[in-house]
């Protein structure tokens, strides 16, 4: 990932907080594609795998937080949900600019109804820049990640103007 460049209308620091049961799988590759697209847009990007009882104070220094995880057995991956409900992550994200995504094989309308609310109910007053459900085949398409990042940046720029 590339270092940030100064462009006031773009996020200068972004963090991707995620969970996935496997390393190097489709979710990991998709997160890397999101990170690369954010970096190409001029942001400094970091990523961190969620831990249920981690300390997330460091998140305060980021302009944008991307939260994402796969769905396992009808639930958002447990470490991300656990971090939101049992650590200081929920407090740190209060009022932050956040983008959300889940990866699952369910039809999108069902996933919008069942899975994204699992994340949103654990957030206090966020500014949601983008929220999306991605199917397994979309996770392997870098253009899908770039489109998601374009949506994040477009909404981010609108929040600066208002």
N, C-alpha and C. Protein backbone atom coordinates (compact mmCIF):
# COMPACT_ATOMS: atom_id res chain seq x y z
N UNK A 1 0.83 -1.17 0.00
CA UNK A 1 0.00 0.00 0.00
C UNK A 1 0.89 1.24 0.00
N UNK A 2 0.40 2.28 -0.61
CA UNK A 2 1.20 3.47 -0.81
C UNK A 2 0.99 4.47 0.33
N UNK A 3 1.97 5.33 0.59
CA UNK A 3 1.78 6.35 1.61
C UNK A 3 0.76 7.39 1.14
N UNK A 4 0.22 8.10 2.11
CA UNK A 4 -0.81 9.08 1.76
C UNK A 4 -0.21 10.28 1.06
N UNK A 5 -1.05 10.94 0.30
CA UNK A 5 -0.71 12.22 -0.28
C UNK A 5 -1.68 13.23 0.30
N UNK A 6 -1.35 14.46 0.25
CA UNK A 6 -2.21 15.48 0.83
C UNK A 6 -3.29 15.91 -0.16
N UNK A 7 -4.50 15.56 0.11
CA UNK A 7 -5.66 15.96 -0.66
C UNK A 7 -6.79 16.11 0.35
N UNK A 8 -7.11 17.35 0.71
CA UNK A 8 -8.01 17.63 1.82
C UNK A 8 -9.39 17.01 1.63
N UNK A 9 -9.86 16.84 0.39
CA UNK A 9 -11.19 16.30 0.18
C UNK A 9 -11.21 14.77 0.21
N UNK A 10 -10.07 14.16 0.40
CA UNK A 10 -9.99 12.70 0.45
C UNK A 10 -9.55 12.28 1.86
N UNK A 11 -9.97 11.09 2.28
CA UNK A 11 -9.49 10.62 3.59
C UNK A 11 -7.97 10.46 3.54
N UNK A 12 -7.28 10.96 4.55
CA UNK A 12 -5.83 10.85 4.57
C UNK A 12 -5.37 9.61 5.33
N UNK A 13 -6.20 9.11 6.24
CA UNK A 13 -5.85 7.90 6.99
C UNK A 13 -7.08 7.01 7.07
N UNK A 14 -6.92 5.78 6.65
CA UNK A 14 -8.02 4.81 6.70
C UNK A 14 -7.52 3.53 7.35
N UNK A 15 -8.39 2.92 8.12
CA UNK A 15 -8.09 1.61 8.71
C UNK A 15 -9.18 0.64 8.34
N UNK A 16 -8.78 -0.56 8.00
CA UNK A 16 -9.73 -1.63 7.70
C UNK A 16 -9.66 -2.61 8.87
N UNK A 17 -10.75 -2.71 9.61
CA UNK A 17 -10.86 -3.65 10.71
C UNK A 17 -11.70 -4.82 10.22
N UNK A 18 -11.19 -6.02 10.35
CA UNK A 18 -11.87 -7.15 9.75
C UNK A 18 -11.72 -8.40 10.59
N UNK A 19 -12.49 -9.39 10.24
CA UNK A 19 -12.34 -10.72 10.79
C UNK A 19 -12.54 -11.71 9.66
N UNK A 20 -11.85 -12.79 9.74
CA UNK A 20 -11.99 -13.88 8.79
C UNK A 20 -11.39 -15.10 9.44
N UNK A 21 -12.01 -16.23 9.26
CA UNK A 21 -11.50 -17.46 9.88
C UNK A 21 -10.26 -18.01 9.18
N UNK A 22 -10.05 -17.60 7.94
CA UNK A 22 -8.89 -18.11 7.21
C UNK A 22 -7.96 -16.96 6.83
N UNK A 23 -6.70 -17.29 6.70
CA UNK A 23 -5.71 -16.31 6.27
C UNK A 23 -5.44 -16.52 4.79
N UNK A 24 -5.41 -15.43 4.04
CA UNK A 24 -5.13 -15.53 2.62
C UNK A 24 -6.31 -15.96 1.78
N UNK A 25 -7.50 -16.02 2.37
CA UNK A 25 -8.69 -16.41 1.64
C UNK A 25 -9.30 -15.26 0.87
N UNK A 26 -10.50 -15.47 0.38
CA UNK A 26 -11.15 -14.46 -0.47
C UNK A 26 -11.43 -13.16 0.29
N UNK A 27 -11.79 -13.25 1.57
CA UNK A 27 -12.04 -12.02 2.34
C UNK A 27 -10.75 -11.23 2.51
N UNK A 28 -9.65 -11.92 2.85
CA UNK A 28 -8.35 -11.25 2.99
C UNK A 28 -7.93 -10.57 1.69
N UNK A 29 -8.09 -11.28 0.58
CA UNK A 29 -7.71 -10.69 -0.72
C UNK A 29 -8.59 -9.48 -1.04
N UNK A 30 -9.86 -9.56 -0.70
CA UNK A 30 -10.76 -8.44 -0.95
C UNK A 30 -10.37 -7.24 -0.09
N UNK A 31 -10.02 -7.48 1.14
CA UNK A 31 -9.57 -6.39 2.03
C UNK A 31 -8.31 -5.74 1.47
N UNK A 32 -7.40 -6.55 0.96
CA UNK A 32 -6.20 -5.98 0.34
C UNK A 32 -6.57 -5.13 -0.88
N UNK A 33 -7.55 -5.59 -1.66
CA UNK A 33 -7.98 -4.81 -2.83
C UNK A 33 -8.60 -3.49 -2.40
N UNK A 34 -9.39 -3.49 -1.32
CA UNK A 34 -9.95 -2.23 -0.79
C UNK A 34 -8.82 -1.33 -0.35
N UNK A 35 -7.87 -1.88 0.38
CA UNK A 35 -6.73 -1.09 0.85
C UNK A 35 -5.93 -0.49 -0.29
N UNK A 36 -5.69 -1.28 -1.32
CA UNK A 36 -4.95 -0.78 -2.48
C UNK A 36 -5.72 0.34 -3.19
N UNK A 37 -7.03 0.19 -3.31
CA UNK A 37 -7.83 1.24 -3.96
C UNK A 37 -7.84 2.52 -3.14
N UNK A 38 -7.92 2.39 -1.82
CA UNK A 38 -7.85 3.58 -0.96
C UNK A 38 -6.48 4.26 -1.09
N UNK A 39 -5.43 3.45 -1.12
CA UNK A 39 -4.08 4.00 -1.27
C UNK A 39 -3.91 4.70 -2.61
N UNK A 40 -4.44 4.10 -3.67
CA UNK A 40 -4.37 4.72 -4.99
C UNK A 40 -5.12 6.06 -5.02
N UNK A 41 -6.12 6.20 -4.14
CA UNK A 41 -6.86 7.45 -4.05
C UNK A 41 -6.14 8.47 -3.16
N UNK A 42 -5.01 8.07 -2.58
CA UNK A 42 -4.22 9.01 -1.80
C UNK A 42 -4.26 8.83 -0.31
N UNK A 43 -4.90 7.79 0.19
CA UNK A 43 -4.98 7.58 1.64
C UNK A 43 -3.83 6.71 2.13
N UNK A 44 -3.42 6.98 3.35
CA UNK A 44 -2.53 6.07 4.07
C UNK A 44 -3.44 5.00 4.65
N UNK A 45 -3.13 3.73 4.45
CA UNK A 45 -4.04 2.65 4.83
C UNK A 45 -3.34 1.64 5.73
N UNK A 46 -4.06 1.23 6.77
CA UNK A 46 -3.64 0.12 7.61
C UNK A 46 -4.79 -0.86 7.70
N UNK A 47 -4.47 -2.09 8.06
CA UNK A 47 -5.52 -3.07 8.31
C UNK A 47 -5.18 -3.81 9.58
N UNK A 48 -6.23 -4.24 10.28
CA UNK A 48 -6.04 -4.97 11.54
C UNK A 48 -7.15 -6.00 11.69
N UNK A 49 -6.74 -7.20 12.03
CA UNK A 49 -7.70 -8.27 12.30
C UNK A 49 -8.28 -8.03 13.69
N UNK A 50 -9.59 -8.10 13.81
CA UNK A 50 -10.27 -7.84 15.09
C UNK A 50 -10.04 -8.97 16.08
N UNK A 51 -9.94 -8.55 17.31
CA UNK A 51 -9.90 -9.48 18.44
C UNK A 51 -10.96 -9.03 19.42
N UNK A 52 -11.68 -9.97 19.94
CA UNK A 52 -12.83 -9.70 20.80
C UNK A 52 -12.51 -8.74 21.95
N UNK A 53 -11.38 -8.91 22.59
CA UNK A 53 -11.04 -8.08 23.75
C UNK A 53 -9.86 -7.16 23.50
N UNK A 54 -9.68 -6.74 22.25
CA UNK A 54 -8.56 -5.87 21.90
C UNK A 54 -8.76 -4.44 22.39
N UNK A 55 -7.67 -3.68 22.35
CA UNK A 55 -7.73 -2.25 22.66
C UNK A 55 -7.69 -1.51 21.32
N UNK A 56 -8.75 -0.75 21.05
CA UNK A 56 -8.88 -0.08 19.76
C UNK A 56 -8.70 1.43 19.85
N UNK A 57 -8.01 1.89 20.88
CA UNK A 57 -7.77 3.34 21.05
C UNK A 57 -7.08 3.93 19.82
N UNK A 58 -6.23 3.16 19.17
CA UNK A 58 -5.48 3.63 18.01
C UNK A 58 -6.40 4.04 16.85
N UNK A 59 -7.62 3.56 16.83
CA UNK A 59 -8.56 3.86 15.73
C UNK A 59 -8.93 5.34 15.70
N UNK A 60 -8.81 6.02 16.82
CA UNK A 60 -9.16 7.44 16.90
C UNK A 60 -8.40 8.29 15.90
N UNK A 61 -7.20 7.88 15.52
CA UNK A 61 -6.36 8.69 14.62
C UNK A 61 -6.73 8.56 13.14
N UNK A 62 -7.70 7.72 12.82
CA UNK A 62 -8.06 7.49 11.42
C UNK A 62 -9.30 8.28 11.02
N UNK A 63 -9.29 8.77 9.77
CA UNK A 63 -10.42 9.53 9.22
C UNK A 63 -11.58 8.62 8.84
N UNK A 64 -11.25 7.44 8.32
CA UNK A 64 -12.26 6.49 7.84
C UNK A 64 -11.95 5.11 8.42
N UNK A 65 -13.01 4.43 8.84
CA UNK A 65 -12.88 3.06 9.34
C UNK A 65 -13.76 2.17 8.48
N UNK A 66 -13.15 1.15 7.90
CA UNK A 66 -13.90 0.15 7.13
C UNK A 66 -14.00 -1.09 8.00
N UNK A 67 -15.23 -1.55 8.23
CA UNK A 67 -15.47 -2.76 9.01
C UNK A 67 -16.01 -3.83 8.08
N UNK A 68 -15.42 -5.01 8.09
CA UNK A 68 -15.89 -6.05 7.21
C UNK A 68 -15.59 -7.44 7.70
N UNK A 69 -16.48 -8.36 7.34
CA UNK A 69 -16.30 -9.75 7.75
C UNK A 69 -17.21 -10.65 6.93
N UNK A 70 -16.86 -11.91 6.87
CA UNK A 70 -17.75 -12.88 6.24
C UNK A 70 -18.87 -13.28 7.21
N UNK A 71 -19.87 -13.93 6.66
CA UNK A 71 -20.97 -14.47 7.45
C UNK A 71 -20.73 -15.96 7.65
N UNK A 72 -20.84 -16.40 8.90
CA UNK A 72 -20.75 -17.82 9.21
C UNK A 72 -21.99 -18.21 10.01
N UNK A 73 -22.71 -19.19 9.53
CA UNK A 73 -23.88 -19.71 10.24
C UNK A 73 -24.85 -18.60 10.65
N UNK A 74 -25.16 -17.73 9.71
CA UNK A 74 -26.14 -16.64 9.85
C UNK A 74 -25.68 -15.50 10.76
N UNK A 75 -24.41 -15.47 11.13
CA UNK A 75 -23.90 -14.39 11.98
C UNK A 75 -22.64 -13.78 11.37
N UNK A 76 -22.48 -12.47 11.59
CA UNK A 76 -21.22 -11.81 11.22
C UNK A 76 -20.12 -12.48 12.03
N UNK A 77 -18.99 -12.70 11.42
CA UNK A 77 -17.87 -13.38 12.06
C UNK A 77 -17.67 -12.89 13.50
N UNK A 78 -17.46 -13.83 14.40
CA UNK A 78 -17.56 -13.56 15.83
C UNK A 78 -16.55 -12.57 16.40
N UNK A 79 -15.34 -12.53 15.89
CA UNK A 79 -14.35 -11.62 16.46
C UNK A 79 -14.72 -10.16 16.22
N UNK A 80 -15.27 -9.85 15.05
CA UNK A 80 -15.69 -8.47 14.78
C UNK A 80 -16.88 -8.10 15.66
N UNK A 81 -17.88 -8.96 15.73
CA UNK A 81 -19.03 -8.67 16.60
C UNK A 81 -18.60 -8.59 18.05
N UNK A 82 -17.71 -9.49 18.46
CA UNK A 82 -17.21 -9.46 19.83
C UNK A 82 -16.45 -8.17 20.14
N UNK A 83 -15.65 -7.72 19.20
CA UNK A 83 -14.91 -6.46 19.39
C UNK A 83 -15.87 -5.29 19.55
N UNK A 84 -16.95 -5.29 18.76
CA UNK A 84 -17.93 -4.20 18.86
C UNK A 84 -18.70 -4.25 20.17
N UNK A 85 -18.95 -5.42 20.71
CA UNK A 85 -19.78 -5.50 21.91
C UNK A 85 -18.98 -5.62 23.22
N UNK A 86 -17.73 -6.06 23.16
CA UNK A 86 -17.01 -6.33 24.40
C UNK A 86 -15.74 -5.52 24.61
N UNK A 87 -15.32 -4.78 23.62
CA UNK A 87 -14.08 -3.99 23.77
C UNK A 87 -14.45 -2.50 23.73
N UNK A 88 -13.44 -1.67 23.61
CA UNK A 88 -13.67 -0.22 23.51
C UNK A 88 -13.92 0.23 22.06
N UNK A 89 -14.05 -0.71 21.12
CA UNK A 89 -14.23 -0.35 19.71
C UNK A 89 -15.50 0.46 19.50
N UNK A 90 -16.60 0.06 20.08
CA UNK A 90 -17.87 0.78 19.91
C UNK A 90 -17.72 2.23 20.35
N UNK A 91 -17.06 2.45 21.47
CA UNK A 91 -16.85 3.81 22.00
C UNK A 91 -15.95 4.62 21.06
N UNK A 92 -14.90 4.01 20.58
CA UNK A 92 -13.95 4.69 19.70
C UNK A 92 -14.60 5.07 18.36
N UNK A 93 -15.55 4.26 17.90
CA UNK A 93 -16.20 4.52 16.61
C UNK A 93 -17.32 5.55 16.69
N UNK A 94 -17.68 5.97 17.89
CA UNK A 94 -18.78 6.92 18.05
C UNK A 94 -18.52 8.18 17.23
N UNK A 95 -19.45 8.45 16.30
CA UNK A 95 -19.35 9.64 15.45
C UNK A 95 -18.33 9.53 14.31
N UNK A 96 -17.66 8.40 14.18
CA UNK A 96 -16.65 8.22 13.12
C UNK A 96 -17.30 8.00 11.76
N UNK A 97 -16.55 8.26 10.73
CA UNK A 97 -16.96 7.95 9.36
C UNK A 97 -16.60 6.49 9.10
N UNK A 98 -17.64 5.69 8.83
CA UNK A 98 -17.50 4.24 8.78
C UNK A 98 -18.08 3.69 7.48
N UNK A 99 -17.43 2.68 6.93
CA UNK A 99 -17.97 1.92 5.81
C UNK A 99 -18.09 0.47 6.28
N UNK A 100 -19.16 -0.19 5.88
CA UNK A 100 -19.43 -1.55 6.34
C UNK A 100 -19.58 -2.49 5.15
N UNK A 101 -19.07 -3.71 5.32
CA UNK A 101 -19.37 -4.73 4.32
C UNK A 101 -19.40 -6.10 4.97
N UNK A 102 -20.20 -6.97 4.39
CA UNK A 102 -20.20 -8.38 4.75
C UNK A 102 -20.07 -9.19 3.47
N UNK A 103 -19.51 -10.36 3.62
CA UNK A 103 -19.36 -11.28 2.49
C UNK A 103 -20.17 -12.53 2.79
N UNK A 104 -21.08 -12.86 1.89
CA UNK A 104 -21.90 -14.05 2.13
C UNK A 104 -22.53 -14.55 0.84
N UNK A 105 -23.01 -15.76 0.90
CA UNK A 105 -23.65 -16.37 -0.26
C UNK A 105 -25.15 -16.17 -0.30
N UNK A 106 -25.71 -15.48 0.68
CA UNK A 106 -27.16 -15.25 0.71
C UNK A 106 -27.56 -14.20 -0.31
N UNK A 107 -28.80 -14.24 -0.76
CA UNK A 107 -29.28 -13.18 -1.66
C UNK A 107 -29.15 -11.82 -0.96
N UNK A 108 -28.80 -10.79 -1.74
CA UNK A 108 -28.53 -9.48 -1.15
C UNK A 108 -29.68 -8.93 -0.32
N UNK A 109 -30.95 -9.00 -0.76
CA UNK A 109 -32.03 -8.45 0.09
C UNK A 109 -32.07 -9.11 1.47
N UNK A 110 -31.87 -10.42 1.52
CA UNK A 110 -31.86 -11.12 2.80
C UNK A 110 -30.66 -10.68 3.64
N UNK A 111 -29.52 -10.57 3.00
CA UNK A 111 -28.31 -10.16 3.71
C UNK A 111 -28.43 -8.73 4.24
N UNK A 112 -29.04 -7.84 3.45
CA UNK A 112 -29.25 -6.46 3.90
C UNK A 112 -30.12 -6.44 5.16
N UNK A 113 -31.08 -7.31 5.20
CA UNK A 113 -32.03 -7.37 6.31
C UNK A 113 -31.44 -8.05 7.54
N UNK A 114 -30.64 -9.09 7.34
CA UNK A 114 -30.17 -9.89 8.46
C UNK A 114 -28.76 -9.55 8.96
N UNK A 115 -27.84 -9.25 8.05
CA UNK A 115 -26.44 -9.21 8.45
C UNK A 115 -25.88 -7.82 8.71
N UNK A 116 -26.14 -6.86 7.83
CA UNK A 116 -25.64 -5.50 8.08
C UNK A 116 -26.19 -4.92 9.39
N UNK A 117 -27.46 -5.18 9.74
CA UNK A 117 -27.95 -4.68 11.04
C UNK A 117 -27.17 -5.23 12.23
N UNK A 118 -26.58 -6.43 12.09
CA UNK A 118 -25.77 -6.96 13.19
C UNK A 118 -24.58 -6.05 13.48
N UNK A 119 -24.05 -5.42 12.45
CA UNK A 119 -22.96 -4.46 12.65
C UNK A 119 -23.50 -3.12 13.12
N UNK A 120 -24.55 -2.64 12.45
CA UNK A 120 -25.05 -1.29 12.73
C UNK A 120 -25.62 -1.14 14.14
N UNK A 121 -26.20 -2.21 14.68
CA UNK A 121 -26.78 -2.10 16.02
C UNK A 121 -25.70 -1.94 17.09
N UNK A 122 -24.46 -2.19 16.73
CA UNK A 122 -23.35 -2.04 17.67
C UNK A 122 -22.57 -0.75 17.46
N UNK A 123 -23.12 0.16 16.68
CA UNK A 123 -22.46 1.44 16.43
C UNK A 123 -23.30 2.57 17.02
N UNK A 124 -22.63 3.58 17.54
CA UNK A 124 -23.31 4.75 18.08
C UNK A 124 -23.02 5.96 17.22
N UNK A 125 -24.04 6.50 16.60
CA UNK A 125 -23.92 7.75 15.85
C UNK A 125 -22.83 7.76 14.78
N UNK A 126 -22.67 6.70 14.03
CA UNK A 126 -21.63 6.76 13.00
C UNK A 126 -22.13 7.55 11.80
N UNK A 127 -21.21 8.01 11.00
CA UNK A 127 -21.53 8.54 9.69
C UNK A 127 -21.22 7.40 8.73
N UNK A 128 -22.25 6.73 8.24
CA UNK A 128 -22.03 5.57 7.38
C UNK A 128 -21.80 6.05 5.95
N UNK A 129 -20.59 5.82 5.48
CA UNK A 129 -20.19 6.25 4.14
C UNK A 129 -20.65 5.28 3.06
N UNK A 130 -20.67 4.01 3.39
CA UNK A 130 -21.08 2.98 2.43
C UNK A 130 -21.39 1.72 3.21
N UNK A 131 -22.32 0.95 2.69
CA UNK A 131 -22.59 -0.37 3.26
C UNK A 131 -22.97 -1.30 2.12
N UNK A 132 -22.37 -2.49 2.13
CA UNK A 132 -22.54 -3.35 0.98
C UNK A 132 -22.42 -4.81 1.38
N UNK A 133 -23.20 -5.63 0.70
CA UNK A 133 -23.11 -7.08 0.81
C UNK A 133 -22.42 -7.58 -0.45
N UNK A 134 -21.38 -8.37 -0.28
CA UNK A 134 -20.65 -8.91 -1.42
C UNK A 134 -20.81 -10.42 -1.49
N UNK A 135 -21.09 -10.92 -2.67
CA UNK A 135 -21.19 -12.36 -2.90
C UNK A 135 -19.78 -12.92 -3.07
N UNK A 136 -19.62 -14.22 -2.91
CA UNK A 136 -18.28 -14.81 -3.04
C UNK A 136 -17.59 -14.48 -4.37
N UNK A 137 -18.34 -14.48 -5.47
CA UNK A 137 -17.69 -14.19 -6.77
C UNK A 137 -17.25 -12.73 -6.86
N UNK A 138 -17.93 -11.82 -6.17
CA UNK A 138 -17.52 -10.41 -6.19
C UNK A 138 -16.22 -10.19 -5.43
N UNK A 139 -15.94 -11.02 -4.44
CA UNK A 139 -14.72 -10.85 -3.64
C UNK A 139 -13.45 -11.04 -4.47
N UNK A 140 -13.56 -11.71 -5.58
CA UNK A 140 -12.40 -11.97 -6.43
C UNK A 140 -12.25 -10.96 -7.55
N UNK A 141 -13.06 -9.91 -7.53
CA UNK A 141 -13.04 -8.92 -8.60
C UNK A 141 -12.51 -7.58 -8.06
N UNK A 142 -11.28 -7.20 -8.41
CA UNK A 142 -10.71 -5.94 -7.92
C UNK A 142 -11.57 -4.72 -8.28
N UNK A 143 -12.30 -4.78 -9.39
CA UNK A 143 -13.17 -3.67 -9.78
C UNK A 143 -14.30 -3.47 -8.77
N UNK A 144 -14.76 -4.55 -8.16
CA UNK A 144 -15.80 -4.46 -7.13
C UNK A 144 -15.27 -3.68 -5.93
N UNK A 145 -14.05 -3.98 -5.51
CA UNK A 145 -13.43 -3.25 -4.40
C UNK A 145 -13.24 -1.78 -4.76
N UNK A 146 -12.80 -1.52 -5.99
CA UNK A 146 -12.60 -0.13 -6.44
C UNK A 146 -13.93 0.63 -6.45
N UNK A 147 -15.01 0.00 -6.87
CA UNK A 147 -16.33 0.65 -6.86
C UNK A 147 -16.77 0.97 -5.43
N UNK A 148 -16.52 0.04 -4.50
CA UNK A 148 -16.86 0.26 -3.09
C UNK A 148 -16.07 1.45 -2.54
N UNK A 149 -14.80 1.51 -2.87
CA UNK A 149 -13.95 2.62 -2.42
C UNK A 149 -14.42 3.94 -3.04
N UNK A 150 -14.80 3.92 -4.31
CA UNK A 150 -15.34 5.13 -4.94
C UNK A 150 -16.57 5.64 -4.18
N UNK A 151 -17.41 4.72 -3.76
CA UNK A 151 -18.59 5.11 -2.98
C UNK A 151 -18.18 5.70 -1.63
N UNK A 152 -17.22 5.09 -0.98
CA UNK A 152 -16.72 5.59 0.31
C UNK A 152 -16.18 7.00 0.14
N UNK A 153 -15.33 7.20 -0.85
CA UNK A 153 -14.70 8.51 -1.06
C UNK A 153 -15.74 9.55 -1.47
N UNK A 154 -16.67 9.18 -2.34
CA UNK A 154 -17.71 10.12 -2.76
C UNK A 154 -18.54 10.62 -1.59
N UNK A 155 -18.94 9.70 -0.72
CA UNK A 155 -19.73 10.10 0.45
C UNK A 155 -18.87 10.88 1.43
N UNK A 156 -17.62 10.48 1.59
CA UNK A 156 -16.70 11.21 2.48
C UNK A 156 -16.58 12.67 2.04
N UNK A 157 -16.40 12.86 0.73
CA UNK A 157 -16.27 14.24 0.21
C UNK A 157 -17.55 15.04 0.47
N UNK A 158 -18.71 14.41 0.33
CA UNK A 158 -19.99 15.11 0.59
C UNK A 158 -20.10 15.51 2.06
N UNK A 159 -19.58 14.67 2.99
CA UNK A 159 -19.67 15.01 4.40
C UNK A 159 -18.81 16.23 4.75
N UNK A 160 -17.74 16.43 3.98
CA UNK A 160 -16.88 17.59 4.23
C UNK A 160 -17.53 18.89 3.76
N UNK A 161 -18.40 18.77 2.77
CA UNK A 161 -19.05 19.96 2.22
C UNK A 161 -20.25 20.41 3.04
N UNK A 162 -20.79 19.49 3.83
CA UNK A 162 -22.01 19.84 4.60
C UNK A 162 -21.69 20.33 5.99
